[in-house]
Amino acid sequence: MREYIAAVVMIVFTSLSFWGMNMFGFQNNPHDVLWAIGAGLALLIIMLINVYIYFVICKETPWTWKNEESSNQDE
């Protein structure tokens, strides 16, 4: 369940970040090298923050495996 919550939070954060980039005017300067470098760094930072959000919300649940008892009951 935590994975779904993390996905929703990440989508909201990414959407707000892209909205902020559009408000700042990144799309108006596609041929300027400095703007391109700035946009690339902004996207990299957004991606790293998304990874951080995922690990903070999910904690250890992505690495929780089925134990032997639950797999034996299925048979």
PDB file of N, CA and C in Angstrom:
ATOM      1  N   MET A   1       0.827  -1.200   0.000  1.00  0.00           N
ATOM      2  CA  MET A   1       0.000   0.000   0.000  1.00  0.00           C
ATOM      3  C   MET A   1       0.866   1.257   0.000  1.00  0.00           C
ATOM      4  N   ARG A   2       2.008   1.179   0.689  1.00  0.00           N
ATOM      5  CA  ARG A   2       2.882   2.351   0.744  1.00  0.00           C
ATOM      6  C   ARG A   2       3.421   2.722  -0.634  1.00  0.00           C
ATOM      7  N   GLU A   3       3.579   1.707  -1.500  1.00  0.00           N
ATOM      8  CA  GLU A   3       4.095   1.989  -2.839  1.00  0.00           C
ATOM      9  C   GLU A   3       3.121   2.873  -3.623  1.00  0.00           C
ATOM     10  N   TYR A   4       1.816   2.623  -3.459  1.00  0.00           N
ATOM     11  CA  TYR A   4       0.809   3.429  -4.150  1.00  0.00           C
ATOM     12  C   TYR A   4       0.782   4.860  -3.621  1.00  0.00           C
ATOM     13  N   ILE A   5       0.907   5.003  -2.310  1.00  0.00           N
ATOM     14  CA  ILE A   5       0.947   6.337  -1.719  1.00  0.00           C
ATOM     15  C   ILE A   5       2.175   7.087  -2.210  1.00  0.00           C
ATOM     16  N   ALA A   6       3.317   6.404  -2.240  1.00  0.00           N
ATOM     17  CA  ALA A   6       4.546   7.033  -2.723  1.00  0.00           C
ATOM     18  C   ALA A   6       4.407   7.442  -4.188  1.00  0.00           C
ATOM     19  N   ALA A   7       3.771   6.601  -4.997  1.00  0.00           N
ATOM     20  CA  ALA A   7       3.588   6.929  -6.412  1.00  0.00           C
ATOM     21  C   ALA A   7       2.726   8.174  -6.573  1.00  0.00           C
ATOM     22  N   VAL A   8       1.665   8.288  -5.789  1.00  0.00           N
ATOM     23  CA  VAL A   8       0.788   9.463  -5.874  1.00  0.00           C
ATOM     24  C   VAL A   8       1.544  10.721  -5.453  1.00  0.00           C
ATOM     25  N   VAL A   9       2.305  10.637  -4.368  1.00  0.00           N
ATOM     26  CA  VAL A   9       3.070  11.793  -3.901  1.00  0.00           C
ATOM     27  C   VAL A   9       4.118  12.188  -4.938  1.00  0.00           C
ATOM     28  N   MET A  10       4.763  11.197  -5.544  1.00  0.00           N
ATOM     29  CA  MET A  10       5.768  11.490  -6.566  1.00  0.00           C
ATOM     30  C   MET A  10       5.143  12.140  -7.796  1.00  0.00           C
ATOM     31  N   ILE A  11       3.981  11.672  -8.201  1.00  0.00           N
ATOM     32  CA  ILE A  11       3.297  12.268  -9.360  1.00  0.00           C
ATOM     33  C   ILE A  11       2.895  13.706  -9.059  1.00  0.00           C
ATOM     34  N   VAL A  12       2.392  13.954  -7.866  1.00  0.00           N
ATOM     35  CA  VAL A  12       2.005  15.316  -7.488  1.00  0.00           C
ATOM     36  C   VAL A  12       3.238  16.224  -7.459  1.00  0.00           C
ATOM     37  N   PHE A  13       4.328  15.745  -6.850  1.00  0.00           N
ATOM     38  CA  PHE A  13       5.545  16.553  -6.781  1.00  0.00           C
ATOM     39  C   PHE A  13       6.100  16.843  -8.177  1.00  0.00           C
ATOM     40  N   THR A  14       6.134  15.823  -9.025  1.00  0.00           N
ATOM     41  CA  THR A  14       6.655  16.013 -10.379  1.00  0.00           C
ATOM     42  C   THR A  14       5.773  16.969 -11.177  1.00  0.00           C
ATOM     43  N   SER A  15       4.456  16.846 -11.035  1.00  0.00           N
ATOM     44  CA  SER A  15       3.551  17.756 -11.738  1.00  0.00           C
ATOM     45  C   SER A  15       3.749  19.194 -11.287  1.00  0.00           C
ATOM     46  N   LEU A  16       3.873  19.397  -9.987  1.00  0.00           N
ATOM     47  CA  LEU A  16       4.112  20.751  -9.478  1.00  0.00           C
ATOM     48  C   LEU A  16       5.467  21.285  -9.921  1.00  0.00           C
ATOM     49  N   SER A  17       6.456  20.414  -9.995  1.00  0.00           N
ATOM     50  CA  SER A  17       7.779  20.842 -10.448  1.00  0.00           C
ATOM     51  C   SER A  17       7.751  21.258 -11.906  1.00  0.00           C
ATOM     52  N   PHE A  18       7.077  20.473 -12.758  1.00  0.00           N
ATOM     53  CA  PHE A  18       6.980  20.831 -14.173  1.00  0.00           C
ATOM     54  C   PHE A  18       6.166  22.106 -14.363  1.00  0.00           C
ATOM     55  N   TRP A  19       5.126  22.281 -13.562  1.00  0.00           N
ATOM     56  CA  TRP A  19       4.351  23.518 -13.610  1.00  0.00           C
ATOM     57  C   TRP A  19       5.231  24.703 -13.234  1.00  0.00           C
ATOM     58  N   GLY A  20       6.053  24.535 -12.193  1.00  0.00           N
ATOM     59  CA  GLY A  20       6.969  25.590 -11.789  1.00  0.00           C
ATOM     60  C   GLY A  20       8.001  25.905 -12.859  1.00  0.00           C
ATOM     61  N   MET A  21       8.497  24.863 -13.524  1.00  0.00           N
ATOM     62  CA  MET A  21       9.442  25.092 -14.613  1.00  0.00           C
ATOM     63  C   MET A  21       8.778  25.861 -15.758  1.00  0.00           C
ATOM     64  N   ASN A  22       7.530  25.543 -16.055  1.00  0.00           N
ATOM     65  CA  ASN A  22       6.807  26.272 -17.110  1.00  0.00           C
ATOM     66  C   ASN A  22       6.538  27.713 -16.699  1.00  0.00           C
ATOM     67  N   MET A  23       6.210  27.948 -15.427  1.00  0.00           N
ATOM     68  CA  MET A  23       5.990  29.305 -14.956  1.00  0.00           C
ATOM     69  C   MET A  23       7.288  30.114 -14.988  1.00  0.00           C
ATOM     70  N   PHE A  24       8.411  29.441 -14.758  1.00  0.00           N
ATOM     71  CA  PHE A  24       9.713  30.108 -14.762  1.00  0.00           C
ATOM     72  C   PHE A  24      10.163  30.433 -16.177  1.00  0.00           C
ATOM     73  N   GLY A  25       9.653  29.705 -17.166  1.00  0.00           N
ATOM     74  CA  GLY A  25       9.927  30.030 -18.557  1.00  0.00           C
ATOM     75  C   GLY A  25      10.954  29.147 -19.240  1.00  0.00           C
ATOM     76  N   PHE A  26      11.116  27.926 -18.782  1.00  0.00           N
ATOM     77  CA  PHE A  26      12.083  27.029 -19.416  1.00  0.00           C
ATOM     78  C   PHE A  26      11.722  26.728 -20.871  1.00  0.00           C
ATOM     79  N   GLN A  27      10.448  26.667 -21.190  1.00  0.00           N
ATOM     80  CA  GLN A  27      10.028  26.293 -22.541  1.00  0.00           C
ATOM     81  C   GLN A  27      10.243  27.414 -23.547  1.00  0.00           C
ATOM     82  N   ASN A  28      10.503  28.630 -23.078  1.00  0.00           N
ATOM     83  CA  ASN A  28      10.674  29.761 -23.988  1.00  0.00           C
ATOM     84  C   ASN A  28      12.091  29.885 -24.538  1.00  0.00           C
ATOM     85  N   ASN A  29      13.035  29.128 -24.007  1.00  0.00           N
ATOM     86  CA  ASN A  29      14.435  29.255 -24.408  1.00  0.00           C
ATOM     87  C   ASN A  29      15.042  27.897 -24.759  1.00  0.00           C
ATOM     88  N   PRO A  30      14.513  27.184 -25.758  1.00  0.00           N
ATOM     89  CA  PRO A  30      15.012  25.842 -26.036  1.00  0.00           C
ATOM     90  C   PRO A  30      16.395  25.816 -26.698  1.00  0.00           C
ATOM     91  N   HIS A  31      16.831  26.926 -27.304  1.00  0.00           N
ATOM     92  CA  HIS A  31      18.106  26.924 -28.024  1.00  0.00           C
ATOM     93  C   HIS A  31      19.237  27.583 -27.245  1.00  0.00           C
ATOM     94  N   ASP A  32      18.957  28.067 -26.057  1.00  0.00           N
ATOM     95  CA  ASP A  32      19.988  28.682 -25.230  1.00  0.00           C
ATOM     96  C   ASP A  32      20.677  27.596 -24.404  1.00  0.00           C
ATOM     97  N   VAL A  33      22.006  27.556 -24.481  1.00  0.00           N
ATOM     98  CA  VAL A  33      22.762  26.483 -23.826  1.00  0.00           C
ATOM     99  C   VAL A  33      22.614  26.546 -22.314  1.00  0.00           C
ATOM    100  N   LEU A  34      22.681  27.720 -21.733  1.00  0.00           N
ATOM    101  CA  LEU A  34      22.578  27.835 -20.280  1.00  0.00           C
ATOM    102  C   LEU A  34      21.200  27.413 -19.774  1.00  0.00           C
ATOM    103  N   TRP A  35      20.160  27.771 -20.512  1.00  0.00           N
ATOM    104  CA  TRP A  35      18.818  27.335 -20.122  1.00  0.00           C
ATOM    105  C   TRP A  35      18.688  25.820 -20.239  1.00  0.00           C
ATOM    106  N   ALA A  36      19.311  25.239 -21.278  1.00  0.00           N
ATOM    107  CA  ALA A  36      19.255  23.784 -21.449  1.00  0.00           C
ATOM    108  C   ALA A  36      19.981  23.075 -20.302  1.00  0.00           C
ATOM    109  N   ILE A  37      21.135  23.611 -19.906  1.00  0.00           N
ATOM    110  CA  ILE A  37      21.870  23.020 -18.777  1.00  0.00           C
ATOM    111  C   ILE A  37      21.059  23.170 -17.498  1.00  0.00           C
ATOM    112  N   GLY A  38      20.453  24.334 -17.310  1.00  0.00           N
ATOM    113  CA  GLY A  38      19.621  24.552 -16.122  1.00  0.00           C
ATOM    114  C   GLY A  38      18.425  23.616 -16.075  1.00  0.00           C
ATOM    115  N   ALA A  39      17.791  23.413 -17.234  1.00  0.00           N
ATOM    116  CA  ALA A  39      16.646  22.500 -17.278  1.00  0.00           C
ATOM    117  C   ALA A  39      17.086  21.072 -17.014  1.00  0.00           C
ATOM    118  N   GLY A  40      18.232  20.679 -17.557  1.00  0.00           N
ATOM    119  CA  GLY A  40      18.745  19.331 -17.308  1.00  0.00           C
ATOM    120  C   GLY A  40      19.064  19.110 -15.840  1.00  0.00           C
ATOM    121  N   LEU A  41      19.682  20.092 -15.217  1.00  0.00           N
ATOM    122  CA  LEU A  41      19.968  19.976 -13.782  1.00  0.00           C
ATOM    123  C   LEU A  41      18.684  19.956 -12.954  1.00  0.00           C
ATOM    124  N   ALA A  42      17.713  20.756 -13.358  1.00  0.00           N
ATOM    125  CA  ALA A  42      16.431  20.755 -12.641  1.00  0.00           C
ATOM    126  C   ALA A  42      15.756  19.394 -12.747  1.00  0.00           C
ATOM    127  N   LEU A  43      15.770  18.787 -13.935  1.00  0.00           N
ATOM    128  CA  LEU A  43      15.163  17.464 -14.099  1.00  0.00           C
ATOM    129  C   LEU A  43      15.908  16.406 -13.293  1.00  0.00           C
ATOM    130  N   LEU A  44      17.238  16.511 -13.239  1.00  0.00           N
ATOM    131  CA  LEU A  44      18.022  15.564 -12.444  1.00  0.00           C
ATOM    132  C   LEU A  44      17.693  15.696 -10.957  1.00  0.00           C
ATOM    133  N   ILE A  45      17.586  16.919 -10.487  1.00  0.00           N
ATOM    134  CA  ILE A  45      17.247  17.146  -9.078  1.00  0.00           C
ATOM    135  C   ILE A  45      15.840  16.658  -8.777  1.00  0.00           C
ATOM    136  N   ILE A  46      14.904  16.891  -9.690  1.00  0.00           N
ATOM    137  CA  ILE A  46      13.534  16.403  -9.504  1.00  0.00           C
ATOM    138  C   ILE A  46      13.520  14.882  -9.406  1.00  0.00           C
ATOM    139  N   MET A  47      14.295  14.208 -10.265  1.00  0.00           N
ATOM    140  CA  MET A  47      14.354  12.754 -10.229  1.00  0.00           C
ATOM    141  C   MET A  47      14.954  12.251  -8.908  1.00  0.00           C
ATOM    142  N   LEU A  48      16.009  12.892  -8.431  1.00  0.00           N
ATOM    143  CA  LEU A  48      16.624  12.476  -7.166  1.00  0.00           C
ATOM    144  C   LEU A  48      15.685  12.707  -5.990  1.00  0.00           C
ATOM    145  N   ILE A  49      14.939  13.794  -6.013  1.00  0.00           N
ATOM    146  CA  ILE A  49      13.958  14.045  -4.952  1.00  0.00           C
ATOM    147  C   ILE A  49      12.845  13.005  -5.006  1.00  0.00           C
ATOM    148  N   ASN A  50      12.435  12.597  -6.215  1.00  0.00           N
ATOM    149  CA  ASN A  50      11.425  11.538  -6.333  1.00  0.00           C
ATOM    150  C   ASN A  50      11.923  10.230  -5.728  1.00  0.00           C
ATOM    151  N   VAL A  51      13.177   9.890  -5.964  1.00  0.00           N
ATOM    152  CA  VAL A  51      13.747   8.674  -5.369  1.00  0.00           C
ATOM    153  C   VAL A  51      13.756   8.799  -3.850  1.00  0.00           C
ATOM    154  N   TYR A  52      14.139   9.956  -3.346  1.00  0.00           N
ATOM    155  CA  TYR A  52      14.154  10.178  -1.905  1.00  0.00           C
ATOM    156  C   TYR A  52      12.745  10.062  -1.316  1.00  0.00           C
ATOM    157  N   ILE A  53      11.765  10.655  -1.993  1.00  0.00           N
ATOM    158  CA  ILE A  53      10.369  10.561  -1.537  1.00  0.00           C
ATOM    159  C   ILE A  53       9.941   9.100  -1.468  1.00  0.00           C
ATOM    160  N   TYR A  54      10.286   8.322  -2.493  1.00  0.00           N
ATOM    161  CA  TYR A  54       9.902   6.909  -2.522  1.00  0.00           C
ATOM    162  C   TYR A  54      10.484   6.162  -1.333  1.00  0.00           C
ATOM    163  N   PHE A  55      11.773   6.363  -1.064  1.00  0.00           N
ATOM    164  CA  PHE A  55      12.402   5.633   0.037  1.00  0.00           C
ATOM    165  C   PHE A  55      11.913   6.100   1.401  1.00  0.00           C
ATOM    166  N   VAL A  56      11.588   7.378   1.545  1.00  0.00           N
ATOM    167  CA  VAL A  56      11.081   7.872   2.825  1.00  0.00           C
ATOM    168  C   VAL A  56       9.688   7.315   3.102  1.00  0.00           C
ATOM    169  N   ILE A  57       8.841   7.264   2.094  1.00  0.00           N
ATOM    170  CA  ILE A  57       7.469   6.798   2.311  1.00  0.00           C
ATOM    171  C   ILE A  57       7.416   5.278   2.417  1.00  0.00           C
ATOM    172  N   CYS A  58       8.121   4.573   1.554  1.00  0.00           N
ATOM    173  CA  CYS A  58       8.018   3.111   1.523  1.00  0.00           C
ATOM    174  C   CYS A  58       8.810   2.423   2.629  1.00  0.00           C
ATOM    175  N   LYS A  59       9.863   3.047   3.088  1.00  0.00           N
ATOM    176  CA  LYS A  59      10.750   2.486   4.115  1.00  0.00           C
ATOM    177  C   LYS A  59      11.255   1.123   3.680  1.00  0.00           C
ATOM    178  N   GLU A  60      10.941   0.069   4.386  1.00  0.00           N
ATOM    179  CA  GLU A  60      11.466  -1.267   4.072  1.00  0.00           C
ATOM    180  C   GLU A  60      10.473  -2.157   3.334  1.00  0.00           C
ATOM    181  N   THR A  61       9.294  -1.659   3.018  1.00  0.00           N
ATOM    182  CA  THR A  61       8.287  -2.531   2.408  1.00  0.00           C
ATOM    183  C   THR A  61       8.659  -3.057   1.025  1.00  0.00           C
ATOM    184  N   PRO A  62       9.397  -2.344   0.167  1.00  0.00           N
ATOM    185  CA  PRO A  62       9.724  -2.939  -1.134  1.00  0.00           C
ATOM    186  C   PRO A  62      10.632  -4.156  -1.025  1.00  0.00           C
ATOM    187  N   TRP A  63      11.359  -4.286   0.102  1.00  0.00           N
ATOM    188  CA  TRP A  63      12.286  -5.397   0.252  1.00  0.00           C
ATOM    189  C   TRP A  63      11.749  -6.504   1.153  1.00  0.00           C
ATOM    190  N   THR A  64      10.474  -6.441   1.488  1.00  0.00           N
ATOM    191  CA  THR A  64       9.868  -7.473   2.314  1.00  0.00           C
ATOM    192  C   THR A  64       9.452  -8.637   1.429  1.00  0.00           C
ATOM    193  N   TRP A  65      10.002  -9.805   1.698  1.00  0.00           N
ATOM    194  CA  TRP A  65       9.711 -10.995   0.906  1.00  0.00           C
ATOM    195  C   TRP A  65       8.703 -11.863   1.642  1.00  0.00           C
ATOM    196  N   LYS A  66       8.060 -12.734   0.897  1.00  0.00           N
ATOM    197  CA  LYS A  66       7.161 -13.691   1.544  1.00  0.00           C
ATOM    198  C   LYS A  66       7.997 -14.631   2.392  1.00  0.00           C
ATOM    199  N   ASN A  67       7.462 -14.944   3.573  1.00  0.00           N
ATOM    200  CA  ASN A  67       8.181 -15.914   4.387  1.00  0.00           C
ATOM    201  C   ASN A  67       7.770 -17.331   3.986  1.00  0.00           C
ATOM    202  N   GLU A  68       8.450 -18.311   4.478  1.00  0.00           N
ATOM    203  CA  GLU A  68       8.226 -19.694   4.075  1.00  0.00           C
ATOM    204  C   GLU A  68       6.833 -20.198   4.464  1.00  0.00           C
ATOM    205  N   GLU A  69       6.300 -19.735   5.595  1.00  0.00           N
ATOM    206  CA  GLU A  69       5.003 -20.203   6.056  1.00  0.00           C
ATOM    207  C   GLU A  69       3.888 -19.809   5.088  1.00  0.00           C
ATOM    208  N   SER A  70       3.919 -18.575   4.609  1.00  0.00           N
ATOM    209  CA  SER A  70       2.849 -18.145   3.715  1.00  0.00           C
ATOM    210  C   SER A  70       2.939 -18.828   2.362  1.00  0.00           C
ATOM    211  N   SER A  71       4.140 -19.164   1.899  1.00  0.00           N
ATOM    212  CA  SER A  71       4.259 -19.839   0.602  1.00  0.00           C
ATOM    213  C   SER A  71       3.862 -21.320   0.735  1.00  0.00           C
ATOM    214  N   ASN A  72       4.054 -21.932   1.891  1.00  0.00           N
ATOM    215  CA  ASN A  72       3.653 -23.318   2.088  1.00  0.00           C
ATOM    216  C   ASN A  72       2.139 -23.458   2.242  1.00  0.00           C
ATOM    217  N   GLN A  73       1.475 -22.444   2.731  1.00  0.00           N
ATOM    218  CA  GLN A  73       0.027 -22.498   2.901  1.00  0.00           C
ATOM    219  C   GLN A  73      -0.691 -22.414   1.556  1.00  0.00           C
ATOM    220  N   ASP A  74      -0.060 -21.816   0.567  1.00  0.00           N
ATOM    221  CA  ASP A  74      -0.688 -21.691  -0.741  1.00  0.00           C
ATOM    222  C   ASP A  74      -0.762 -23.029  -1.466  1.00  0.00           C
ATOM    223  N   GLU A  75       0.119 -23.950  -1.138  1.00  0.00           N
ATOM    224  CA  GLU A  75       0.162 -25.237  -1.863  1.00  0.00           C
ATOM    225  C   GLU A  75      -0.872 -26.201  -1.436  1.00  0.00           C
TER     226      GLU A  75
END
